[in-house]
N, C-alpha and C. Protein backbone atom coordinates (compact mmCIF):
# COMPACT_ATOMS: atom_id res chain seq x y z
N MET A 1 82.41 94.24 107.40
CA MET A 1 83.56 94.46 106.48
C MET A 1 83.81 95.83 106.18
N THR A 2 83.24 96.60 106.51
CA THR A 2 83.62 98.11 106.22
C THR A 2 83.87 98.88 107.30
N GLN A 3 84.67 100.02 107.28
CA GLN A 3 84.84 100.51 108.30
C GLN A 3 83.81 101.84 108.72
N SER A 4 82.91 102.15 107.91
CA SER A 4 81.94 103.04 108.09
C SER A 4 80.64 102.51 108.65
N SER A 5 80.45 101.09 108.89
CA SER A 5 79.23 100.46 109.56
C SER A 5 78.19 100.55 108.85
N ASP A 6 78.12 101.15 107.37
CA ASP A 6 76.95 101.04 106.84
C ASP A 6 76.75 99.98 105.97
N PRO A 7 75.58 99.49 106.43
CA PRO A 7 75.18 98.04 105.84
C PRO A 7 75.07 98.13 104.25
N ARG A 8 74.80 99.26 103.69
CA ARG A 8 75.07 99.02 102.20
C ARG A 8 76.40 98.85 101.61
N ASP A 9 77.39 99.27 102.48
CA ASP A 9 78.76 99.07 102.02
C ASP A 9 79.17 97.62 102.12
N ASN A 10 78.62 97.10 103.08
CA ASN A 10 78.79 95.46 103.03
C ASN A 10 78.25 94.75 101.97
N ALA A 11 77.15 95.03 101.33
CA ALA A 11 76.68 94.61 100.13
C ALA A 11 77.43 94.42 98.95
N ILE A 12 78.20 95.75 98.80
CA ILE A 12 79.29 96.10 97.74
C ILE A 12 80.49 94.93 98.22
N ALA A 13 80.82 94.85 99.15
CA ALA A 13 81.96 93.63 99.75
C ALA A 13 81.39 92.30 99.31
N GLU A 14 80.18 91.94 99.57
CA GLU A 14 79.63 90.47 99.57
C GLU A 14 79.66 90.26 98.00
N ARG A 15 79.53 91.44 96.92
CA ARG A 15 79.32 91.22 95.82
C ARG A 15 80.83 91.00 95.04
N VAL A 16 81.75 91.92 95.45
CA VAL A 16 82.86 91.48 95.06
C VAL A 16 83.48 89.81 95.37
N ASN A 17 83.24 89.77 96.93
CA ASN A 17 83.43 88.35 97.37
C ASN A 17 82.79 87.10 96.46
N GLY A 18 81.76 87.36 96.11
CA GLY A 18 80.88 86.37 95.27
C GLY A 18 81.47 86.27 93.83
N ILE A 19 81.67 87.54 93.09
CA ILE A 19 82.43 87.30 91.77
C ILE A 19 83.79 86.56 92.02
N LEU A 20 84.53 86.85 92.91
CA LEU A 20 85.93 86.15 93.14
C LEU A 20 85.71 84.63 93.15
N LYS A 21 84.68 84.27 94.02
CA LYS A 21 84.50 83.07 94.51
C LYS A 21 83.73 82.33 93.02
N GLN A 22 82.75 82.60 92.32
CA GLN A 22 82.18 82.37 91.29
C GLN A 22 82.82 82.38 90.13
N GLU A 23 83.39 83.31 89.64
CA GLU A 23 84.32 83.29 88.50
C GLU A 23 85.64 83.15 88.44
N LEU A 24 86.37 83.38 89.69
CA LEU A 24 87.82 83.48 89.42
C LEU A 24 88.69 82.38 90.43
N LEU A 25 87.91 81.71 91.47
CA LEU A 25 88.59 80.75 92.27
C LEU A 25 87.82 79.20 92.21
N ASN A 26 88.49 78.66 92.66
CA ASN A 26 88.22 76.95 92.53
C ASN A 26 87.55 76.98 93.97
N SER A 27 86.92 75.69 93.95
CA SER A 27 86.25 75.55 95.56
C SER A 27 87.22 74.91 96.29
N TYR A 28 88.45 74.13 95.83
CA TYR A 28 89.10 73.56 96.55
C TYR A 28 90.63 73.66 96.07
N TYR A 29 91.58 73.59 97.03
CA TYR A 29 93.12 73.85 96.93
C TYR A 29 93.90 72.84 97.58
N GLN A 30 94.90 72.11 97.00
CA GLN A 30 95.77 71.31 97.72
C GLN A 30 96.53 71.77 99.02
N ASP A 31 96.77 73.08 99.06
CA ASP A 31 97.37 73.83 100.22
C ASP A 31 97.12 75.30 100.30
N MET A 32 97.60 75.90 101.44
CA MET A 32 97.58 77.20 101.68
C MET A 32 98.19 78.23 100.64
N VAL A 33 99.51 77.54 100.22
CA VAL A 33 100.26 78.32 99.33
C VAL A 33 99.69 78.39 98.07
N THR A 34 99.25 77.28 97.67
CA THR A 34 98.35 77.34 96.25
C THR A 34 97.25 78.36 96.43
N ALA A 35 96.33 78.18 97.56
CA ALA A 35 95.19 79.05 97.57
C ALA A 35 95.39 80.49 97.65
N ARG A 36 96.61 80.97 98.48
CA ARG A 36 96.89 82.40 98.41
C ARG A 36 97.38 82.82 97.39
N ARG A 37 98.23 82.18 96.58
CA ARG A 37 98.67 82.44 95.23
C ARG A 37 97.43 82.87 94.41
N ALA A 38 96.36 81.71 94.36
CA ALA A 38 95.17 81.83 93.37
C ALA A 38 94.26 83.05 93.78
N VAL A 39 94.22 83.24 95.30
CA VAL A 39 93.37 84.49 95.70
C VAL A 39 94.06 85.90 95.19
N ALA A 40 95.58 85.96 95.13
CA ALA A 40 96.27 87.06 95.04
C ALA A 40 95.85 87.40 93.31
N GLN A 41 96.01 86.31 92.51
CA GLN A 41 95.88 86.22 91.14
C GLN A 41 94.37 86.52 90.71
N ALA A 42 93.49 86.28 91.43
CA ALA A 42 92.00 86.55 91.36
C ALA A 42 91.70 87.98 91.38
N VAL A 43 92.38 88.53 92.62
CA VAL A 43 92.20 89.98 92.95
C VAL A 43 92.83 90.93 91.83
N ASP A 44 94.07 90.56 91.52
CA ASP A 44 94.51 91.31 90.17
C ASP A 44 93.78 91.06 89.35
N THR A 45 93.23 90.16 88.75
CA THR A 45 92.25 89.97 87.61
C THR A 45 91.10 91.00 87.67
N TYR A 46 90.50 90.81 88.84
CA TYR A 46 89.23 91.58 89.04
C TYR A 46 89.71 93.09 89.25
N ASN A 47 90.86 93.37 89.63
CA ASN A 47 90.84 94.80 89.74
C ASN A 47 91.61 95.27 88.37
N ASN A 48 92.34 94.42 87.53
CA ASN A 48 93.18 95.20 86.48
C ASN A 48 92.81 94.47 85.19
N HIS A 49 92.03 93.62 84.95
CA HIS A 49 91.77 92.72 83.71
C HIS A 49 90.32 92.59 83.54
N ARG A 50 89.54 92.64 84.43
CA ARG A 50 88.05 92.17 84.16
C ARG A 50 87.37 93.35 84.27
N PRO A 51 86.85 93.80 82.66
CA PRO A 51 85.99 94.98 82.63
C PRO A 51 84.74 94.74 83.40
N HIS A 52 84.11 95.81 84.13
CA HIS A 52 83.05 95.82 84.94
C HIS A 52 81.89 96.54 84.03
N SER A 53 80.67 96.24 83.81
CA SER A 53 79.57 97.01 83.24
C SER A 53 79.05 98.25 84.23
N SER A 54 79.25 97.93 85.23
CA SER A 54 78.77 99.15 86.11
C SER A 54 79.38 100.04 86.13
N VAL A 55 80.72 100.57 85.66
CA VAL A 55 81.48 101.51 85.31
C VAL A 55 81.83 101.65 83.83
N ASN A 56 80.93 101.37 82.83
CA ASN A 56 80.96 101.54 81.43
C ASN A 56 82.23 100.87 81.08
N MET A 57 82.28 99.59 81.32
CA MET A 57 83.16 98.60 80.93
C MET A 57 84.63 98.88 81.00
N LEU A 58 85.12 99.63 82.12
CA LEU A 58 86.30 99.68 82.57
C LEU A 58 86.63 98.66 83.48
N THR A 59 87.87 98.60 83.98
CA THR A 59 88.41 97.97 85.06
C THR A 59 88.40 98.78 86.05
N PRO A 60 88.16 98.37 87.46
CA PRO A 60 88.22 99.07 88.67
C PRO A 60 89.58 100.11 88.68
N GLU A 61 90.68 99.60 88.42
CA GLU A 61 91.80 100.37 88.34
C GLU A 61 91.63 101.27 87.22
N GLN A 62 91.09 101.41 86.04
CA GLN A 62 90.96 102.30 84.83
C GLN A 62 89.93 103.21 85.52
N ALA A 63 88.85 102.81 86.29
CA ALA A 63 87.97 103.66 86.48
C ALA A 63 88.49 104.56 87.94
N HIS A 64 89.20 104.11 88.62
CA HIS A 64 89.74 104.96 89.64
C HIS A 64 90.53 105.91 89.23
N ARG A 65 91.69 105.65 88.17
CA ARG A 65 92.34 106.57 87.49
C ARG A 65 91.70 107.43 86.70
N CYS A 66 90.60 107.54 86.34
CA CYS A 66 89.51 108.68 85.56
C CYS A 66 89.65 109.90 86.13
N SER A 67 89.74 110.90 85.51
CA SER A 67 89.39 112.24 86.02
C SER A 67 88.06 112.44 85.13
N GLY A 68 87.40 113.32 86.35
CA GLY A 68 86.16 113.79 85.70
C GLY A 68 85.07 112.96 86.01
N PRO A 69 83.75 113.17 85.41
CA PRO A 69 82.54 112.32 85.98
C PRO A 69 82.73 110.87 85.32
N LEU A 70 82.44 109.87 86.29
CA LEU A 70 82.50 108.50 85.76
C LEU A 70 81.14 108.14 85.31
N ILE A 71 80.97 107.51 84.35
CA ILE A 71 79.65 106.83 83.79
C ILE A 71 79.37 105.72 84.47
N ARG A 72 78.28 105.86 85.62
CA ARG A 72 77.97 104.76 86.35
C ARG A 72 76.50 104.00 85.89
N LYS A 73 76.79 102.61 85.72
CA LYS A 73 75.55 102.13 85.18
C LYS A 73 74.68 101.37 86.25
N TRP A 74 75.03 101.54 87.37
CA TRP A 74 74.33 100.68 88.61
C TRP A 74 73.11 101.75 88.87
N LYS A 75 71.97 100.94 89.54
CA LYS A 75 70.87 101.76 90.39
C LYS A 75 70.91 102.26 91.70
N ASN A 76 70.74 103.22 92.11
CA ASN A 76 70.93 103.48 93.63
C ASN A 76 69.54 103.76 94.12
N TYR A 77 69.09 102.61 94.93
CA TYR A 77 67.70 102.70 95.39
C TYR A 77 67.41 103.62 96.70
N TYR A 78 68.38 104.28 97.10
CA TYR A 78 68.34 105.18 98.10
C TYR A 78 68.46 106.50 97.67
N THR A 79 67.53 107.47 98.22
CA THR A 79 67.59 108.75 98.05
C THR A 79 68.64 109.42 98.76
N ALA A 80 69.00 110.62 98.26
CA ALA A 80 70.29 111.49 98.77
C ALA A 80 69.81 111.77 100.24
N LYS A 81 68.57 111.91 100.69
CA LYS A 81 68.34 112.17 102.10
C LYS A 81 68.58 110.89 102.87
N GLU A 82 68.38 109.84 102.49
CA GLU A 82 68.52 108.57 103.20
C GLU A 82 70.12 108.28 103.49
N VAL A 83 70.99 108.78 102.35
CA VAL A 83 72.33 108.38 102.23
C VAL A 83 72.95 109.54 103.41
N ILE A 84 72.45 110.79 103.45
CA ILE A 84 72.65 111.57 104.44
C ILE A 84 72.47 111.37 105.82
N MET A 85 71.27 110.87 106.09
CA MET A 85 70.84 110.38 107.35
C MET A 85 71.64 109.37 107.99
N SER A 86 71.95 108.29 107.19
CA SER A 86 72.79 107.34 107.53
C SER A 86 74.27 107.57 107.97
N GLY A 87 74.66 108.65 107.44
CA GLY A 87 76.39 108.82 107.54
C GLY A 87 76.54 109.83 108.61
């Protein structure tokens, strides 16, 4: 799911997909038009309206627009050496 082929990037994408499916989407839709509309609304909600604890309760859009250092609340289980070696 990522352009870099880094398996750690895929975990991030899977986390986003899980949140969309568990919190913002229904499990069944009557037709594709309704489903596509719901997915577009869910992505908008995720990016622009839902605060994320991992970025100090900002929305992704707010975090993206911030200048300067961003207070990140997630743990990084990889050392800097591992990240450099995989890239």
